[in-house]
Amino acid sequence: MFKQLDLLDQSQVNELKKIAASGKFVDGKISNPHSKIKNNLQLHDHDAYNKSSKIMLDALMSNREFVDFAFPEKVAPPLITRYQPGMNYGLHADSAIIPLPDGPIRSDISCTIFLSDVNDSKGGALHVTQGEAGMRFKGLPGTAIVYPSYTLHEVEPVTAGERMVAITFIQSKIPDVVKRNLLYELNEVAALEGLNMRHENYTRLQAVQYNLMRQWMR
């Protein structure tokens, strides 16, 4: 259900930080004015948004691990957000439908791309709950975490420094998370062990993969 990625190299991270440093940020409630739990800043600069989102979107779509795990059909352009001392984003599930200029997408998978260094701030971890348990993520610059959009998650309060990340949402060709994970695992095993199998058995395994994709893809 969760996948951590090495997404951006240092030069890309530096370029995104440079874009953010000269871009305009506004209250994050501009995209969710009725929220009582959203307390952050988000990039609100057309040129900076287009330039930064292209860098990250290109990186996602060229990342084999991401493509194999998410089966992406549509990906929202990633948006840079900032959290300063006292800011947080309370416990929530992401909206099922994300409005975009080219039309809405269904959010099956959420993605956080870490841009600031883990030592740049105190607090500010991404906390994703699973029943009574939970996991906290505070990744190195250029790494990303993808997770189901329906999970309850929060950004814990930043107590010092600044947290800077980008967020995006993915509409998957396989919206059911259980089916998506099963097919991902099956594809991984086939890729890792397929050449060690007898040809006729590998052919049968491929037929199962392809038929499941036909059944489950929308």
N, C-alpha and C. Protein backbone atom coordinates (compact mmCIF):
# COMPACT_ATOMS: atom_id res chain seq x y z
N MET A 1 0.81 -1.21 0.00
CA MET A 1 0.00 0.00 0.00
C MET A 1 0.84 1.26 0.00
N PHE A 2 2.10 1.15 0.44
CA PHE A 2 2.99 2.29 0.53
C PHE A 2 4.24 2.01 -0.29
N LYS A 3 4.78 3.03 -0.91
CA LYS A 3 6.00 2.88 -1.68
C LYS A 3 6.86 4.13 -1.51
N GLN A 4 8.10 3.93 -1.09
CA GLN A 4 9.05 5.04 -0.99
C GLN A 4 9.93 5.04 -2.23
N LEU A 5 10.16 6.21 -2.79
CA LEU A 5 10.87 6.35 -4.06
C LEU A 5 12.06 7.29 -3.92
N ASP A 6 13.12 6.98 -4.64
CA ASP A 6 14.18 7.95 -4.90
C ASP A 6 13.81 8.62 -6.21
N LEU A 7 13.32 9.85 -6.14
CA LEU A 7 12.66 10.47 -7.28
C LEU A 7 13.50 11.54 -7.97
N LEU A 8 14.08 12.45 -7.19
CA LEU A 8 14.79 13.60 -7.75
C LEU A 8 16.26 13.56 -7.38
N ASP A 9 17.11 14.01 -8.30
CA ASP A 9 18.52 14.13 -7.94
C ASP A 9 18.76 15.50 -7.31
N GLN A 10 19.98 15.73 -6.82
CA GLN A 10 20.25 16.95 -6.08
C GLN A 10 20.09 18.20 -6.93
N SER A 11 20.46 18.11 -8.22
CA SER A 11 20.31 19.29 -9.09
C SER A 11 18.84 19.65 -9.28
N GLN A 12 17.98 18.66 -9.36
CA GLN A 12 16.55 18.93 -9.48
C GLN A 12 15.99 19.53 -8.19
N VAL A 13 16.43 19.00 -7.05
CA VAL A 13 16.00 19.56 -5.77
C VAL A 13 16.45 21.02 -5.65
N ASN A 14 17.69 21.30 -6.03
CA ASN A 14 18.20 22.67 -5.97
C ASN A 14 17.40 23.60 -6.87
N GLU A 15 17.06 23.12 -8.07
CA GLU A 15 16.28 23.94 -9.00
C GLU A 15 14.90 24.22 -8.44
N LEU A 16 14.27 23.24 -7.82
CA LEU A 16 12.95 23.44 -7.24
C LEU A 16 12.99 24.41 -6.06
N LYS A 17 14.04 24.32 -5.26
CA LYS A 17 14.20 25.26 -4.15
C LYS A 17 14.39 26.68 -4.68
N LYS A 18 15.13 26.81 -5.77
CA LYS A 18 15.36 28.12 -6.38
C LYS A 18 14.05 28.70 -6.90
N ILE A 19 13.25 27.87 -7.55
CA ILE A 19 11.95 28.32 -8.05
C ILE A 19 11.07 28.76 -6.88
N ALA A 20 11.05 27.95 -5.82
CA ALA A 20 10.21 28.28 -4.66
C ALA A 20 10.66 29.58 -3.99
N ALA A 21 11.98 29.81 -3.95
CA ALA A 21 12.50 31.00 -3.27
C ALA A 21 12.04 32.28 -3.94
N SER A 22 11.81 32.24 -5.25
CA SER A 22 11.40 33.45 -5.96
C SER A 22 9.90 33.47 -6.27
N GLY A 23 9.19 32.39 -5.89
CA GLY A 23 7.77 32.31 -6.18
C GLY A 23 6.90 32.91 -5.08
N LYS A 24 5.66 33.19 -5.42
CA LYS A 24 4.70 33.73 -4.46
C LYS A 24 3.94 32.60 -3.80
N PHE A 25 3.85 32.64 -2.47
CA PHE A 25 3.08 31.67 -1.71
C PHE A 25 1.92 32.37 -1.02
N VAL A 26 0.79 31.66 -0.94
CA VAL A 26 -0.40 32.21 -0.28
C VAL A 26 -0.95 31.18 0.70
N ASP A 27 -1.92 31.61 1.48
CA ASP A 27 -2.58 30.71 2.43
C ASP A 27 -3.14 29.49 1.69
N GLY A 28 -2.80 28.29 2.18
CA GLY A 28 -3.24 27.07 1.53
C GLY A 28 -4.75 26.91 1.47
N LYS A 29 -5.48 27.66 2.26
CA LYS A 29 -6.94 27.55 2.23
C LYS A 29 -7.52 28.09 0.93
N ILE A 30 -6.69 28.68 0.08
CA ILE A 30 -7.19 29.18 -1.20
C ILE A 30 -7.78 28.05 -2.03
N SER A 31 -7.26 26.84 -1.85
CA SER A 31 -7.78 25.69 -2.60
C SER A 31 -8.79 24.88 -1.80
N ASN A 32 -9.01 25.26 -0.54
CA ASN A 32 -9.98 24.56 0.31
C ASN A 32 -10.48 25.54 1.37
N PRO A 33 -11.25 26.54 0.94
CA PRO A 33 -11.60 27.65 1.83
C PRO A 33 -12.42 27.27 3.05
N HIS A 34 -13.09 26.12 3.02
CA HIS A 34 -13.94 25.74 4.15
C HIS A 34 -13.22 24.84 5.16
N SER A 35 -11.96 24.53 4.89
CA SER A 35 -11.23 23.64 5.78
C SER A 35 -10.90 24.33 7.11
N LYS A 36 -11.09 23.58 8.19
CA LYS A 36 -10.74 24.07 9.52
C LYS A 36 -9.43 23.46 10.01
N ILE A 37 -8.82 22.61 9.19
CA ILE A 37 -7.62 21.89 9.63
C ILE A 37 -6.40 22.16 8.76
N LYS A 38 -6.59 22.84 7.63
CA LYS A 38 -5.48 23.11 6.72
C LYS A 38 -4.80 24.41 7.10
N ASN A 39 -3.54 24.32 7.45
CA ASN A 39 -2.80 25.50 7.90
C ASN A 39 -1.40 25.44 7.31
N ASN A 40 -1.29 25.87 6.06
CA ASN A 40 0.01 25.86 5.38
C ASN A 40 0.04 26.95 4.32
N LEU A 41 1.10 26.99 3.57
CA LEU A 41 1.24 27.91 2.45
C LEU A 41 1.43 27.09 1.18
N GLN A 42 0.92 27.60 0.05
CA GLN A 42 1.13 26.88 -1.20
C GLN A 42 1.52 27.85 -2.31
N LEU A 43 2.29 27.33 -3.25
CA LEU A 43 2.77 28.14 -4.36
C LEU A 43 1.59 28.66 -5.17
N HIS A 44 1.60 29.96 -5.42
CA HIS A 44 0.51 30.59 -6.17
C HIS A 44 1.12 31.56 -7.16
N ASP A 45 1.85 30.99 -8.11
CA ASP A 45 2.61 31.76 -9.09
C ASP A 45 2.60 30.93 -10.38
N HIS A 46 1.92 31.41 -11.39
CA HIS A 46 1.65 30.61 -12.59
C HIS A 46 2.92 30.07 -13.23
N ASP A 47 3.89 30.95 -13.47
CA ASP A 47 5.12 30.51 -14.14
C ASP A 47 5.91 29.54 -13.26
N ALA A 48 6.03 29.87 -11.98
CA ALA A 48 6.78 29.01 -11.06
C ALA A 48 6.10 27.65 -10.92
N TYR A 49 4.77 27.66 -10.87
CA TYR A 49 4.02 26.40 -10.76
C TYR A 49 4.23 25.52 -11.99
N ASN A 50 4.11 26.13 -13.17
CA ASN A 50 4.28 25.35 -14.40
C ASN A 50 5.68 24.76 -14.49
N LYS A 51 6.68 25.55 -14.15
CA LYS A 51 8.06 25.08 -14.25
C LYS A 51 8.36 23.99 -13.23
N SER A 52 7.95 24.22 -11.99
CA SER A 52 8.25 23.25 -10.93
C SER A 52 7.46 21.96 -11.11
N SER A 53 6.19 22.07 -11.48
CA SER A 53 5.37 20.87 -11.63
C SER A 53 5.86 20.00 -12.78
N LYS A 54 6.38 20.62 -13.84
CA LYS A 54 6.89 19.83 -14.96
C LYS A 54 8.11 19.01 -14.55
N ILE A 55 9.00 19.61 -13.76
CA ILE A 55 10.18 18.88 -13.30
C ILE A 55 9.76 17.63 -12.53
N MET A 56 8.81 17.80 -11.62
CA MET A 56 8.39 16.67 -10.77
C MET A 56 7.53 15.67 -11.52
N LEU A 57 6.66 16.16 -12.38
CA LEU A 57 5.80 15.25 -13.14
C LEU A 57 6.64 14.40 -14.10
N ASP A 58 7.61 15.02 -14.76
CA ASP A 58 8.50 14.26 -15.65
C ASP A 58 9.27 13.21 -14.86
N ALA A 59 9.70 13.59 -13.65
CA ALA A 59 10.46 12.64 -12.82
C ALA A 59 9.58 11.46 -12.41
N LEU A 60 8.34 11.72 -12.07
CA LEU A 60 7.43 10.64 -11.69
C LEU A 60 7.19 9.68 -12.85
N MET A 61 6.88 10.24 -14.02
CA MET A 61 6.50 9.40 -15.13
C MET A 61 7.68 8.67 -15.75
N SER A 62 8.89 9.09 -15.43
CA SER A 62 10.07 8.36 -15.91
C SER A 62 10.65 7.44 -14.84
N ASN A 63 10.00 7.39 -13.68
CA ASN A 63 10.46 6.53 -12.60
C ASN A 63 9.77 5.17 -12.70
N ARG A 64 10.55 4.14 -13.02
CA ARG A 64 9.98 2.82 -13.27
C ARG A 64 9.24 2.27 -12.05
N GLU A 65 9.80 2.50 -10.86
CA GLU A 65 9.16 2.00 -9.64
C GLU A 65 7.78 2.62 -9.45
N PHE A 66 7.68 3.92 -9.69
CA PHE A 66 6.40 4.60 -9.54
C PHE A 66 5.38 4.08 -10.54
N VAL A 67 5.78 3.98 -11.80
CA VAL A 67 4.85 3.54 -12.83
C VAL A 67 4.38 2.11 -12.56
N ASP A 68 5.31 1.23 -12.17
CA ASP A 68 4.94 -0.16 -11.90
C ASP A 68 4.04 -0.30 -10.68
N PHE A 69 4.23 0.57 -9.69
CA PHE A 69 3.46 0.48 -8.45
C PHE A 69 2.09 1.13 -8.58
N ALA A 70 2.02 2.29 -9.23
CA ALA A 70 0.80 3.09 -9.24
C ALA A 70 -0.11 2.83 -10.43
N PHE A 71 0.40 2.25 -11.52
CA PHE A 71 -0.37 2.11 -12.76
C PHE A 71 -1.07 3.42 -13.10
N PRO A 72 -0.31 4.52 -13.22
CA PRO A 72 -0.94 5.85 -13.35
C PRO A 72 -1.68 6.03 -14.66
N GLU A 73 -2.88 6.56 -14.56
CA GLU A 73 -3.66 6.96 -15.74
C GLU A 73 -3.59 8.47 -15.90
N LYS A 74 -3.79 9.19 -14.79
CA LYS A 74 -3.67 10.64 -14.77
C LYS A 74 -2.95 11.04 -13.49
N VAL A 75 -2.13 12.08 -13.58
CA VAL A 75 -1.40 12.59 -12.42
C VAL A 75 -1.58 14.10 -12.35
N ALA A 76 -2.02 14.59 -11.20
CA ALA A 76 -2.15 16.03 -11.02
C ALA A 76 -0.77 16.68 -10.98
N PRO A 77 -0.58 17.84 -11.58
CA PRO A 77 0.71 18.52 -11.50
C PRO A 77 1.09 18.77 -10.04
N PRO A 78 2.26 18.31 -9.61
CA PRO A 78 2.64 18.49 -8.20
C PRO A 78 2.71 19.96 -7.80
N LEU A 79 2.28 20.24 -6.59
CA LEU A 79 2.22 21.61 -6.06
C LEU A 79 3.11 21.72 -4.84
N ILE A 80 3.99 22.73 -4.83
CA ILE A 80 4.89 22.95 -3.70
C ILE A 80 4.14 23.63 -2.56
N THR A 81 4.30 23.10 -1.36
CA THR A 81 3.70 23.67 -0.16
C THR A 81 4.76 23.88 0.90
N ARG A 82 4.51 24.84 1.79
CA ARG A 82 5.46 25.15 2.85
C ARG A 82 4.73 25.19 4.20
N TYR A 83 5.45 24.77 5.22
CA TYR A 83 4.94 24.81 6.59
C TYR A 83 5.97 25.53 7.45
N GLN A 84 5.55 26.60 8.08
CA GLN A 84 6.41 27.36 8.99
C GLN A 84 5.98 27.08 10.43
N PRO A 85 6.76 27.53 11.42
CA PRO A 85 6.44 27.20 12.81
C PRO A 85 4.97 27.48 13.16
N GLY A 86 4.33 26.49 13.78
CA GLY A 86 2.93 26.60 14.17
C GLY A 86 1.97 26.07 13.13
N MET A 87 2.46 25.75 11.93
CA MET A 87 1.59 25.27 10.86
C MET A 87 1.48 23.75 10.88
N ASN A 88 0.36 23.25 10.42
CA ASN A 88 0.12 21.80 10.33
C ASN A 88 -1.05 21.56 9.40
N TYR A 89 -1.34 20.30 9.16
CA TYR A 89 -2.53 19.92 8.39
C TYR A 89 -3.15 18.78 9.17
N GLY A 90 -4.31 19.04 9.77
CA GLY A 90 -4.94 18.07 10.65
C GLY A 90 -5.36 16.79 9.96
N LEU A 91 -5.79 15.84 10.75
CA LEU A 91 -6.14 14.51 10.26
C LEU A 91 -7.26 14.60 9.23
N HIS A 92 -7.04 13.95 8.08
CA HIS A 92 -8.01 14.01 7.00
C HIS A 92 -7.76 12.89 5.99
N ALA A 93 -8.74 12.59 5.19
CA ALA A 93 -8.57 11.78 3.98
C ALA A 93 -8.65 12.74 2.80
N ASP A 94 -7.90 12.45 1.75
CA ASP A 94 -7.91 13.35 0.60
C ASP A 94 -9.22 13.25 -0.16
N SER A 95 -9.61 14.36 -0.76
CA SER A 95 -10.85 14.41 -1.52
C SER A 95 -10.83 13.36 -2.62
N ALA A 96 -11.99 12.76 -2.87
CA ALA A 96 -12.08 11.71 -3.89
C ALA A 96 -11.90 12.27 -5.30
N ILE A 97 -12.32 13.51 -5.52
CA ILE A 97 -12.23 14.14 -6.83
C ILE A 97 -11.38 15.40 -6.71
N ILE A 98 -10.36 15.51 -7.56
CA ILE A 98 -9.47 16.66 -7.56
C ILE A 98 -9.76 17.48 -8.81
N PRO A 99 -10.24 18.72 -8.66
CA PRO A 99 -10.53 19.54 -9.85
C PRO A 99 -9.23 20.06 -10.46
N LEU A 100 -9.13 19.95 -11.78
CA LEU A 100 -7.98 20.45 -12.51
C LEU A 100 -8.47 21.22 -13.73
N PRO A 101 -7.65 22.12 -14.28
CA PRO A 101 -8.08 22.89 -15.45
C PRO A 101 -8.49 22.01 -16.64
N ASP A 102 -7.84 20.85 -16.79
CA ASP A 102 -8.16 19.96 -17.91
C ASP A 102 -9.27 18.97 -17.57
N GLY A 103 -9.86 19.12 -16.40
CA GLY A 103 -10.91 18.20 -15.99
C GLY A 103 -10.54 17.49 -14.70
N PRO A 104 -11.51 17.03 -13.94
CA PRO A 104 -11.24 16.42 -12.64
C PRO A 104 -10.61 15.04 -12.78
N ILE A 105 -9.86 14.64 -11.75
CA ILE A 105 -9.34 13.28 -11.68
C ILE A 105 -9.79 12.65 -10.36
N ARG A 106 -9.85 11.35 -10.34
CA ARG A 106 -10.17 10.61 -9.12
C ARG A 106 -8.87 10.35 -8.38
N SER A 107 -8.84 10.65 -7.09
CA SER A 107 -7.61 10.45 -6.32
C SER A 107 -7.61 9.05 -5.71
N ASP A 108 -6.89 8.15 -6.35
CA ASP A 108 -6.69 6.81 -5.81
C ASP A 108 -5.45 6.75 -4.93
N ILE A 109 -4.43 7.50 -5.32
CA ILE A 109 -3.14 7.47 -4.64
C ILE A 109 -2.69 8.90 -4.40
N SER A 110 -2.16 9.15 -3.22
CA SER A 110 -1.57 10.45 -2.89
C SER A 110 -0.06 10.31 -2.85
N CYS A 111 0.63 11.41 -3.12
CA CYS A 111 2.09 11.39 -3.15
C CYS A 111 2.64 12.66 -2.52
N THR A 112 3.58 12.49 -1.62
CA THR A 112 4.32 13.61 -1.03
C THR A 112 5.77 13.50 -1.49
N ILE A 113 6.28 14.59 -2.06
CA ILE A 113 7.67 14.67 -2.51
C ILE A 113 8.41 15.59 -1.56
N PHE A 114 9.43 15.07 -0.90
CA PHE A 114 10.15 15.84 0.11
C PHE A 114 11.23 16.70 -0.56
N LEU A 115 11.26 17.99 -0.20
CA LEU A 115 12.20 18.93 -0.80
C LEU A 115 13.17 19.52 0.21
N SER A 116 12.72 19.80 1.41
CA SER A 116 13.61 20.37 2.43
C SER A 116 14.36 19.26 3.14
N ASP A 117 15.50 19.62 3.70
CA ASP A 117 16.30 18.66 4.45
C ASP A 117 15.59 18.31 5.75
N VAL A 118 15.78 17.08 6.22
CA VAL A 118 15.10 16.66 7.45
C VAL A 118 15.54 17.51 8.65
N ASN A 119 16.72 18.13 8.55
CA ASN A 119 17.21 18.95 9.65
C ASN A 119 16.78 20.41 9.54
N ASP A 120 16.04 20.73 8.47
CA ASP A 120 15.59 22.12 8.28
C ASP A 120 14.42 22.48 9.18
N SER A 121 13.80 21.47 9.78
CA SER A 121 12.64 21.76 10.63
C SER A 121 12.53 20.72 11.73
N LYS A 122 11.81 21.09 12.76
CA LYS A 122 11.43 20.16 13.81
C LYS A 122 9.93 19.92 13.71
N GLY A 123 9.53 18.66 13.93
CA GLY A 123 8.13 18.32 13.72
C GLY A 123 7.87 18.19 12.22
N GLY A 124 6.59 18.26 11.86
CA GLY A 124 6.23 18.26 10.45
C GLY A 124 6.26 16.92 9.76
N ALA A 125 6.25 15.82 10.51
CA ALA A 125 6.23 14.50 9.87
C ALA A 125 4.87 14.23 9.25
N LEU A 126 4.86 13.49 8.15
CA LEU A 126 3.63 12.98 7.57
C LEU A 126 3.25 11.73 8.36
N HIS A 127 2.11 11.77 9.00
CA HIS A 127 1.63 10.66 9.82
C HIS A 127 0.44 10.03 9.12
N VAL A 128 0.60 8.79 8.69
CA VAL A 128 -0.47 8.05 8.01
C VAL A 128 -0.96 6.96 8.95
N THR A 129 -2.27 6.95 9.23
CA THR A 129 -2.82 5.98 10.17
C THR A 129 -3.28 4.74 9.43
N GLN A 130 -3.19 3.60 10.13
CA GLN A 130 -3.72 2.32 9.64
C GLN A 130 -4.39 1.65 10.84
N GLY A 131 -5.70 1.82 10.95
CA GLY A 131 -6.39 1.32 12.12
C GLY A 131 -5.89 2.05 13.36
N GLU A 132 -5.42 1.31 14.36
CA GLU A 132 -4.89 1.92 15.57
C GLU A 132 -3.40 2.19 15.46
N ALA A 133 -2.80 1.73 14.36
CA ALA A 133 -1.36 1.94 14.16
C ALA A 133 -1.15 3.14 13.24
N GLY A 134 0.09 3.46 12.99
CA GLY A 134 0.41 4.57 12.10
C GLY A 134 1.87 4.55 11.73
N MET A 135 2.19 5.24 10.66
CA MET A 135 3.56 5.37 10.21
C MET A 135 3.87 6.84 9.99
N ARG A 136 5.10 7.21 10.30
CA ARG A 136 5.54 8.60 10.13
C ARG A 136 6.64 8.65 9.08
N PHE A 137 6.54 9.65 8.20
CA PHE A 137 7.51 9.80 7.12
C PHE A 137 8.06 11.23 7.15
N LYS A 138 9.37 11.31 7.09
CA LYS A 138 10.06 12.60 6.97
C LYS A 138 11.29 12.33 6.12
N GLY A 139 11.08 12.32 4.81
CA GLY A 139 12.09 11.80 3.89
C GLY A 139 13.20 12.76 3.56
N LEU A 140 14.26 12.20 3.01
CA LEU A 140 15.39 12.99 2.53
C LEU A 140 14.97 13.79 1.29
N PRO A 141 15.63 14.92 1.02
CA PRO A 141 15.28 15.71 -0.16
C PRO A 141 15.37 14.87 -1.43
N GLY A 142 14.33 14.95 -2.26
CA GLY A 142 14.30 14.20 -3.51
C GLY A 142 13.61 12.86 -3.42
N THR A 143 13.27 12.42 -2.20
CA THR A 143 12.53 11.17 -2.05
C THR A 143 11.04 11.47 -2.01
N ALA A 144 10.25 10.42 -2.20
CA ALA A 144 8.80 10.58 -2.20
C ALA A 144 8.17 9.37 -1.54
N ILE A 145 6.96 9.56 -1.05
CA ILE A 145 6.17 8.48 -0.49
C ILE A 145 4.80 8.50 -1.17
N VAL A 146 4.35 7.34 -1.64
CA VAL A 146 3.01 7.23 -2.23
C VAL A 146 2.18 6.32 -1.34
N TYR A 147 0.91 6.64 -1.20
CA TYR A 147 0.04 5.94 -0.26
C TYR A 147 -1.41 6.13 -0.69
N PRO A 148 -2.32 5.24 -0.28
CA PRO A 148 -3.72 5.35 -0.71
C PRO A 148 -4.35 6.65 -0.22
N SER A 149 -5.08 7.30 -1.10
CA SER A 149 -5.68 8.60 -0.76
C SER A 149 -6.77 8.49 0.29
N TYR A 150 -7.34 7.28 0.46
CA TYR A 150 -8.44 7.15 1.43
C TYR A 150 -7.95 7.05 2.86
N THR A 151 -6.65 6.84 3.06
CA THR A 151 -6.15 6.71 4.44
C THR A 151 -6.26 8.04 5.18
N LEU A 152 -6.51 7.97 6.47
CA LEU A 152 -6.46 9.16 7.30
C LEU A 152 -5.00 9.51 7.55
N HIS A 153 -4.64 10.76 7.29
CA HIS A 153 -3.25 11.19 7.47
C HIS A 153 -3.23 12.66 7.87
N GLU A 154 -2.09 13.07 8.37
CA GLU A 154 -1.93 14.45 8.81
C GLU A 154 -0.47 14.86 8.67
N VAL A 155 -0.25 16.17 8.63
CA VAL A 155 1.09 16.73 8.77
C VAL A 155 1.17 17.29 10.18
N GLU A 156 2.05 16.70 10.97
CA GLU A 156 2.15 17.13 12.37
C GLU A 156 2.72 18.54 12.46
N PRO A 157 2.41 19.27 13.53
CA PRO A 157 2.83 20.66 13.64
C PRO A 157 4.34 20.83 13.51
N VAL A 158 4.72 21.85 12.75
CA VAL A 158 6.13 22.26 12.67
C VAL A 158 6.41 23.16 13.87
N THR A 159 7.43 22.84 14.63
CA THR A 159 7.74 23.62 15.82
C THR A 159 8.93 24.55 15.62
N ALA A 160 9.74 24.30 14.59
CA ALA A 160 10.87 25.17 14.29
C ALA A 160 11.29 24.94 12.85
N GLY A 161 11.84 25.99 12.22
CA GLY A 161 12.32 25.86 10.85
C GLY A 161 11.19 25.84 9.85
N GLU A 162 11.44 25.24 8.70
CA GLU A 162 10.44 25.19 7.63
C GLU A 162 10.44 23.83 6.94
N ARG A 163 9.25 23.33 6.72
CA ARG A 163 9.05 22.09 5.96
C ARG A 163 8.56 22.46 4.56
N MET A 164 9.23 21.96 3.54
CA MET A 164 8.80 22.22 2.17
C MET A 164 8.69 20.89 1.43
N VAL A 165 7.52 20.64 0.88
CA VAL A 165 7.25 19.41 0.13
C VAL A 165 6.41 19.79 -1.09
N ALA A 166 6.20 18.82 -1.96
CA ALA A 166 5.21 18.96 -3.02
C ALA A 166 4.21 17.83 -2.87
N ILE A 167 3.00 18.08 -3.27
CA ILE A 167 1.95 17.07 -3.18
C ILE A 167 1.32 16.87 -4.55
N THR A 168 0.88 15.64 -4.82
CA THR A 168 0.15 15.36 -6.03
C THR A 168 -0.77 14.17 -5.80
N PHE A 169 -1.66 13.94 -6.75
CA PHE A 169 -2.66 12.88 -6.65
C PHE A 169 -2.69 12.11 -7.97
N ILE A 170 -2.92 10.81 -7.85
CA ILE A 170 -2.84 9.94 -9.01
C ILE A 170 -4.16 9.19 -9.19
N GLN A 171 -4.68 9.22 -10.40
CA GLN A 171 -5.79 8.34 -10.78
C GLN A 171 -5.17 7.11 -11.40
N SER A 172 -5.39 5.96 -10.78
CA SER A 172 -4.76 4.73 -11.22
C SER A 172 -5.65 3.99 -12.24
N LYS A 173 -5.00 3.27 -13.15
CA LYS A 173 -5.74 2.42 -14.07
C LYS A 173 -6.41 1.26 -13.33
N ILE A 174 -5.90 0.98 -12.12
CA ILE A 174 -6.49 -0.07 -11.27
C ILE A 174 -6.88 0.59 -9.95
N PRO A 175 -8.11 1.09 -9.83
CA PRO A 175 -8.48 1.88 -8.66
C PRO A 175 -8.54 1.10 -7.35
N ASP A 176 -8.82 -0.19 -7.41
CA ASP A 176 -8.92 -1.00 -6.19
C ASP A 176 -7.52 -1.27 -5.64
N VAL A 177 -7.26 -0.83 -4.41
CA VAL A 177 -5.91 -0.92 -3.86
C VAL A 177 -5.47 -2.36 -3.66
N VAL A 178 -6.37 -3.26 -3.29
CA VAL A 178 -5.99 -4.66 -3.09
C VAL A 178 -5.61 -5.30 -4.43
N LYS A 179 -6.42 -5.09 -5.44
CA LYS A 179 -6.11 -5.63 -6.76
C LYS A 179 -4.81 -5.02 -7.31
N ARG A 180 -4.64 -3.73 -7.09
CA ARG A 180 -3.43 -3.06 -7.57
C ARG A 180 -2.19 -3.64 -6.92
N ASN A 181 -2.25 -3.87 -5.62
CA ASN A 181 -1.09 -4.42 -4.92
C ASN A 181 -0.82 -5.87 -5.32
N LEU A 182 -1.89 -6.65 -5.51
CA LEU A 182 -1.70 -8.03 -5.95
C LEU A 182 -1.03 -8.09 -7.31
N LEU A 183 -1.48 -7.25 -8.23
CA LEU A 183 -0.89 -7.26 -9.56
C LEU A 183 0.54 -6.75 -9.54
N TYR A 184 0.80 -5.76 -8.70
CA TYR A 184 2.18 -5.27 -8.56
C TYR A 184 3.10 -6.38 -8.07
N GLU A 185 2.68 -7.12 -7.04
CA GLU A 185 3.50 -8.21 -6.51
C GLU A 185 3.70 -9.31 -7.54
N LEU A 186 2.64 -9.65 -8.26
CA LEU A 186 2.73 -10.67 -9.28
C LEU A 186 3.70 -10.25 -10.39
N ASN A 187 3.60 -9.00 -10.80
CA ASN A 187 4.50 -8.49 -11.84
C ASN A 187 5.95 -8.46 -11.37
N GLU A 188 6.17 -8.12 -10.09
CA GLU A 188 7.52 -8.09 -9.55
C GLU A 188 8.13 -9.49 -9.53
N VAL A 189 7.36 -10.46 -9.08
CA VAL A 189 7.87 -11.84 -9.05
C VAL A 189 8.18 -12.32 -10.46
N ALA A 190 7.28 -12.02 -11.40
CA ALA A 190 7.52 -12.43 -12.79
C ALA A 190 8.78 -11.79 -13.35
N ALA A 191 9.01 -10.52 -13.02
CA ALA A 191 10.20 -9.83 -13.52
C ALA A 191 11.48 -10.38 -12.90
N LEU A 192 11.42 -10.74 -11.62
CA LEU A 192 12.61 -11.19 -10.91
C LEU A 192 12.93 -12.66 -11.16
N GLU A 193 11.89 -13.47 -11.32
CA GLU A 193 12.10 -14.92 -11.39
C GLU A 193 11.71 -15.54 -12.73
N GLY A 194 11.12 -14.74 -13.62
CA GLY A 194 10.60 -15.31 -14.85
C GLY A 194 11.63 -16.05 -15.68
N LEU A 195 12.85 -15.53 -15.76
CA LEU A 195 13.87 -16.17 -16.58
C LEU A 195 14.38 -17.48 -15.97
N ASN A 196 14.07 -17.70 -14.69
CA ASN A 196 14.47 -18.95 -14.05
C ASN A 196 13.42 -20.05 -14.21
N MET A 197 12.28 -19.69 -14.76
CA MET A 197 11.19 -20.65 -14.92
C MET A 197 11.28 -21.36 -16.27
N ARG A 198 10.66 -22.50 -16.35
CA ARG A 198 10.51 -23.16 -17.64
C ARG A 198 9.67 -22.26 -18.54
N HIS A 199 10.01 -22.23 -19.81
CA HIS A 199 9.36 -21.29 -20.73
C HIS A 199 7.85 -21.44 -20.72
N GLU A 200 7.37 -22.69 -20.73
CA GLU A 200 5.92 -22.88 -20.80
C GLU A 200 5.23 -22.38 -19.53
N ASN A 201 5.88 -22.49 -18.38
CA ASN A 201 5.29 -21.99 -17.14
C ASN A 201 5.33 -20.46 -17.08
N TYR A 202 6.41 -19.88 -17.58
CA TYR A 202 6.49 -18.42 -17.63
C TYR A 202 5.42 -17.87 -18.56
N THR A 203 5.17 -18.56 -19.67
CA THR A 203 4.13 -18.13 -20.60
C THR A 203 2.76 -18.18 -19.93
N ARG A 204 2.50 -19.20 -19.14
CA ARG A 204 1.24 -19.29 -18.41
C ARG A 204 1.12 -18.17 -17.39
N LEU A 205 2.23 -17.87 -16.70
CA LEU A 205 2.23 -16.78 -15.73
C LEU A 205 1.92 -15.45 -16.41
N GLN A 206 2.53 -15.22 -17.57
CA GLN A 206 2.26 -13.99 -18.30
C GLN A 206 0.79 -13.90 -18.69
N ALA A 207 0.20 -15.03 -19.08
CA ALA A 207 -1.22 -15.03 -19.44
C ALA A 207 -2.09 -14.62 -18.26
N VAL A 208 -1.73 -15.10 -17.06
CA VAL A 208 -2.47 -14.70 -15.85
C VAL A 208 -2.32 -13.20 -15.62
N GLN A 209 -1.11 -12.68 -15.74
CA GLN A 209 -0.88 -11.24 -15.57
C GLN A 209 -1.75 -10.44 -16.53
N TYR A 210 -1.69 -10.79 -17.81
CA TYR A 210 -2.41 -10.02 -18.82
C TYR A 210 -3.92 -10.11 -18.61
N ASN A 211 -4.41 -11.28 -18.24
CA ASN A 211 -5.85 -11.43 -18.07
C ASN A 211 -6.37 -10.70 -16.83
N LEU A 212 -5.56 -10.68 -15.78
CA LEU A 212 -5.95 -9.89 -14.61
C LEU A 212 -5.98 -8.40 -14.95
N MET A 213 -5.02 -7.94 -15.73
CA MET A 213 -5.02 -6.54 -16.13
C MET A 213 -6.26 -6.22 -16.96
N ARG A 214 -6.66 -7.13 -17.85
CA ARG A 214 -7.88 -6.91 -18.64
C ARG A 214 -9.11 -6.84 -17.74
N GLN A 215 -9.13 -7.68 -16.68
CA GLN A 215 -10.28 -7.72 -15.77
C GLN A 215 -10.35 -6.48 -14.89
N TRP A 216 -9.19 -6.00 -14.44
CA TRP A 216 -9.16 -5.00 -13.38
C TRP A 216 -8.93 -3.58 -13.86
N MET A 217 -8.37 -3.41 -15.05
CA MET A 217 -8.10 -2.05 -15.51
C MET A 217 -9.38 -1.38 -15.98
N ARG A 218 -9.48 -0.10 -15.67
CA ARG A 218 -10.64 0.69 -16.13
C ARG A 218 -10.19 1.63 -17.23
